[in-house]
Structures are given as C-alpha cells and as structure tokens.
Amino acid sequence: MEVNPAIQQVERFPGQVHSTPGGGIVVSTINEVINWARSNSLWPLVFGTSCCAIEMMSTAGAKYDWSRFGFEVARATPRQADVIIIAGTIVNKMAPVLKRLYDQMADPKYVIAMGACATSGGPFFYNTYSVVKGADHVIPVDVYIAGCPPRPEALIHALITLQEKIRSGATREQIKIEKPEVNKS
C-alpha cells in the first residue's frame, strides 16, 4: 500500500516504527514521542494585566490564530493549563495570586513572560515601589518576549520556541535562560 504524498504530515514522527511478525508495530524512543505530543498540545492560561494582554488577545484572534500551532484551548483554570502567559505589569498585590496560579498548575508546566513589564518591571519600575522587577522574581520563566508591547508575531515566535524546548526534552535546569537587557536611560 502506497502513501499519498499529499496526505503525509508536515512534521516527521519522532520515533521509529518496527514491523513485527503479527502485523503490529513497536514504537521506540517513547520519551521523544511524549515530548512531541506534549509540545503540540499546550493549553495556555492567560494572565493579562496591562496593554500586553490586548496583543495576546489578538494573537488568539482570526488574523494570527495561535490554534494553528497547537495552542487551541485557552484555559480559565490553572488545573487544566500547561503554560501560563504573563502579559503585563505585576504589582506586589498580584504576585501572590500569580504564585498561587502557578502552584495549582499540573507538572510539567511552562511560563512565558510577555513584554517589558513582565520581564523587568517595564517603565513603571523606576517611579514606584509597588511594581515587581519581573515575573522571574515570583516564578521561574521559560521564555521571555521583549517589547512594549510586543507584537502578536513575537508571542507566536515565543510559543514556537517553547515547543522546540519541550521537543528537545531539556528540563528548565538544563536550559540557560538569558534575560533581555534593560535600557536604563
């Protein structure tokens, strides 16, 4: 039986298929298969507090449509989410809420800090005492997105970067995370 080239998937299956005498199959490197499946079915929990949330909402809209990349189901509950997208300023009163949401997420869980406020406190950090200097002071962050506010394309790029990290099977401790530089002028 031949496989029609038009039906073949764009992404190559990461495991190896071995034929058996009874006609069944054996799949090897199960960790790669699990990471592949996990990376293509991320359910985001949105945590939008400022103007970055508008850009995050447009990413889920029809023009950019993040569901094409495996982020179809945006969850309103942390118990069903895999990745939390922090979009906006985190003030000291919201930091415990963010920590509680992160703690309620099931493992493995991932974090994306979107925009200057979520990565470093943004322009509000210098003139006030109530703004947290970045989400990484509250919870560990996997991917940072620079910009004020970043474009929807930047969020899609960050989501794809997170998928690649998950597919590689690297843990958070194995990945050296570079935080973007902040211009203090």
Protein backbone atom coordinates (compact mmCIF):
# COMPACT_ATOMS: atom_id res chain seq x y z
CA MET A 1 0.00 0.00 0.00
CA GLU A 2 1.49 3.33 -1.05
CA VAL A 3 1.19 6.53 0.93
CA ASN A 4 -0.13 9.52 -0.93
CA PRO A 5 2.44 12.38 -0.58
CA ALA A 6 -0.36 14.92 -0.15
CA ILE A 7 -1.57 13.11 2.97
CA GLN A 8 1.83 12.94 4.67
CA GLN A 9 2.14 15.19 7.71
CA VAL A 10 4.38 18.23 7.61
CA GLU A 11 6.18 17.23 10.79
CA ARG A 12 8.10 13.96 10.89
CA PHE A 13 7.10 11.47 13.56
CA PRO A 14 9.99 11.47 16.07
CA GLY A 15 10.00 7.75 16.90
CA GLN A 16 10.92 4.67 14.93
CA VAL A 17 8.33 2.15 13.77
CA HIS A 18 9.38 -1.52 13.65
CA SER A 19 7.31 -4.20 11.95
CA THR A 20 6.51 -7.32 13.95
CA PRO A 21 5.58 -10.80 12.67
CA GLY A 22 1.96 -10.43 13.81
CA GLY A 23 1.49 -7.21 11.87
CA GLY A 24 1.63 -4.91 14.90
CA ILE A 25 4.11 -2.15 15.46
CA VAL A 26 6.58 -1.29 18.18
CA VAL A 27 7.40 2.34 18.89
CA SER A 28 10.85 3.13 20.23
CA THR A 29 12.18 6.25 21.99
CA ILE A 30 8.93 6.83 23.85
CA ASN A 31 10.31 9.96 25.54
CA GLU A 32 10.64 11.67 22.16
CA VAL A 33 7.07 10.71 21.27
CA ILE A 34 5.78 12.03 24.60
CA ASN A 35 7.70 15.30 24.21
CA TRP A 36 6.43 15.65 20.64
CA ALA A 37 2.81 15.12 21.75
CA ARG A 38 3.25 17.41 24.76
CA SER A 39 4.69 20.22 22.63
CA ASN A 40 1.82 20.10 20.14
CA SER A 41 -0.98 20.22 22.70
CA LEU A 42 -0.14 23.08 25.03
CA TRP A 43 -3.10 24.70 26.75
CA PRO A 44 -2.32 28.27 27.81
CA LEU A 45 -3.54 30.00 30.94
CA VAL A 46 -3.68 33.71 30.18
CA PHE A 47 -2.63 36.17 32.89
CA GLY A 48 -3.10 39.58 31.32
CA THR A 49 -2.91 42.68 33.49
CA SER A 50 -1.96 45.52 31.11
CA CYS A 51 -1.62 46.57 27.48
CA CYS A 52 0.30 43.38 26.56
CA ALA A 53 -2.93 41.48 27.17
CA ILE A 54 -4.51 43.23 24.16
CA GLU A 55 -1.71 41.91 21.94
CA MET A 56 -2.11 38.46 23.50
CA MET A 57 -5.85 38.51 22.73
CA SER A 58 -5.19 39.47 19.12
CA THR A 59 -2.80 36.52 18.81
CA ALA A 60 -5.71 34.21 19.56
CA GLY A 61 -7.91 36.06 17.06
CA ALA A 62 -8.59 35.21 13.43
CA LYS A 63 -5.70 37.18 11.91
CA TYR A 64 -2.90 35.39 13.79
CA ASP A 65 -4.80 32.32 15.07
CA TRP A 66 -2.45 30.60 17.52
CA SER A 67 -4.59 27.46 17.25
CA ARG A 68 -2.69 26.61 14.04
CA PHE A 69 0.37 25.97 16.21
CA GLY A 70 -1.24 23.72 18.84
CA PHE A 71 -2.48 26.30 21.37
CA GLU A 72 -6.16 25.85 20.64
CA VAL A 73 -7.67 25.69 24.09
CA ALA A 74 -7.04 28.74 26.27
CA ARG A 75 -7.98 27.69 29.77
CA ALA A 76 -9.50 29.82 32.52
CA THR A 77 -8.41 27.39 35.19
CA PRO A 78 -4.82 26.58 36.15
CA ARG A 79 -5.64 22.93 36.81
CA GLN A 80 -6.12 22.29 33.09
CA ALA A 81 -3.33 24.52 31.73
CA ASP A 82 0.22 23.63 30.66
CA VAL A 83 1.69 27.09 30.04
CA ILE A 84 0.96 30.42 31.69
CA ILE A 85 1.42 33.56 29.60
CA ILE A 86 2.12 36.57 31.81
CA ALA A 87 1.21 39.68 29.82
CA GLY A 88 1.60 42.94 31.68
CA THR A 89 2.68 44.60 34.89
CA ILE A 90 2.92 42.53 38.05
CA VAL A 91 2.37 44.58 41.17
CA ASN A 92 3.14 43.40 44.69
CA LYS A 93 -0.55 42.69 45.39
CA MET A 94 -0.81 40.43 42.31
CA ALA A 95 2.43 38.50 42.93
CA PRO A 96 0.87 36.07 45.47
CA VAL A 97 -2.03 35.46 43.08
CA LEU A 98 0.39 34.66 40.25
CA LYS A 99 2.34 32.31 42.53
CA ARG A 100 -0.88 30.55 43.60
CA LEU A 101 -1.96 30.06 39.98
CA TYR A 102 1.46 28.67 39.09
CA ASP A 103 1.38 26.28 42.06
CA GLN A 104 -2.07 24.99 41.02
CA MET A 105 -0.87 24.05 37.53
CA ALA A 106 -0.02 20.39 36.98
CA ASP A 107 3.53 19.35 36.12
CA PRO A 108 5.12 19.80 33.64
CA LYS A 109 4.30 23.49 33.49
CA TYR A 110 5.86 26.31 31.49
CA VAL A 111 5.94 30.11 31.78
CA ILE A 112 6.17 32.86 29.15
CA ALA A 113 6.83 36.44 30.30
CA MET A 114 5.45 38.81 27.67
CA GLY A 115 6.56 42.42 27.42
CA ALA A 116 8.85 44.78 29.28
CA CYS A 117 6.69 44.88 32.41
CA ALA A 118 6.58 41.10 32.83
CA THR A 119 10.28 40.66 32.11
CA SER A 120 11.81 43.55 34.07
CA GLY A 121 9.16 45.80 35.58
CA GLY A 122 8.99 47.97 32.50
CA PRO A 123 8.82 51.76 32.57
CA PHE A 124 6.81 51.68 35.82
CA PHE A 125 9.54 50.13 37.95
CA TYR A 126 11.64 53.29 38.20
CA ASN A 127 8.96 55.60 39.62
CA THR A 128 7.09 53.31 42.00
CA TYR A 129 7.71 50.87 44.81
CA SER A 130 4.75 48.62 44.06
CA VAL A 131 5.90 47.01 40.80
CA VAL A 132 7.72 43.66 40.81
CA LYS A 133 11.01 43.77 38.85
CA GLY A 134 9.96 40.87 36.63
CA ALA A 135 8.00 37.64 36.73
CA ASP A 136 11.17 35.69 37.48
CA HIS A 137 11.16 37.21 40.97
CA VAL A 138 7.90 35.33 41.63
CA ILE A 139 8.00 32.16 39.47
CA PRO A 140 10.57 30.60 37.08
CA VAL A 141 10.26 31.79 33.48
CA ASP A 142 11.00 29.64 30.41
CA VAL A 143 10.70 32.16 27.57
CA TYR A 144 10.97 35.97 27.62
CA ILE A 145 9.39 38.24 24.99
CA ALA A 146 10.89 41.72 24.60
CA GLY A 147 8.86 44.74 23.57
CA CYS A 148 6.44 47.29 24.95
CA PRO A 149 4.02 45.85 23.97
CA PRO A 150 5.36 43.03 21.81
CA ARG A 151 3.59 42.25 18.57
CA PRO A 152 1.46 39.11 18.18
CA GLU A 153 4.16 37.67 15.92
CA ALA A 154 6.59 37.84 18.85
CA LEU A 155 4.21 35.82 21.02
CA ILE A 156 3.80 33.20 18.30
CA HIS A 157 7.60 33.05 17.97
CA ALA A 158 7.89 32.55 21.75
CA LEU A 159 5.29 29.78 21.68
CA ILE A 160 7.16 28.02 18.87
CA THR A 161 10.42 28.43 20.81
CA LEU A 162 8.77 26.84 23.85
CA GLN A 163 7.58 23.96 21.66
CA GLU A 164 11.13 23.39 20.44
CA LYS A 165 12.44 23.36 24.02
CA ILE A 166 9.81 20.81 25.02
CA ARG A 167 10.55 18.63 21.96
CA SER A 168 14.25 18.61 22.82
CA GLY A 169 13.38 17.13 26.21
CA ALA A 170 15.56 19.59 28.11
CA THR A 171 14.50 20.50 31.61
CA ARG A 172 14.43 24.03 32.96
CA GLU A 173 17.64 23.41 34.90
CA GLN A 174 19.44 22.26 31.72
CA ILE A 175 18.46 25.34 29.70
CA LYS A 176 20.38 28.53 30.39
CA ILE A 177 17.82 31.29 30.19
CA GLU A 178 19.05 34.67 29.02
CA LYS A 179 17.04 37.59 30.37
CA PRO A 180 16.79 40.54 27.95
CA GLU A 181 18.86 43.63 28.70
CA VAL A 182 17.01 46.68 30.04
CA ASN A 183 17.98 50.12 28.83
CA LYS A 184 18.08 52.29 31.97
CA SER A 185 18.44 55.62 30.21
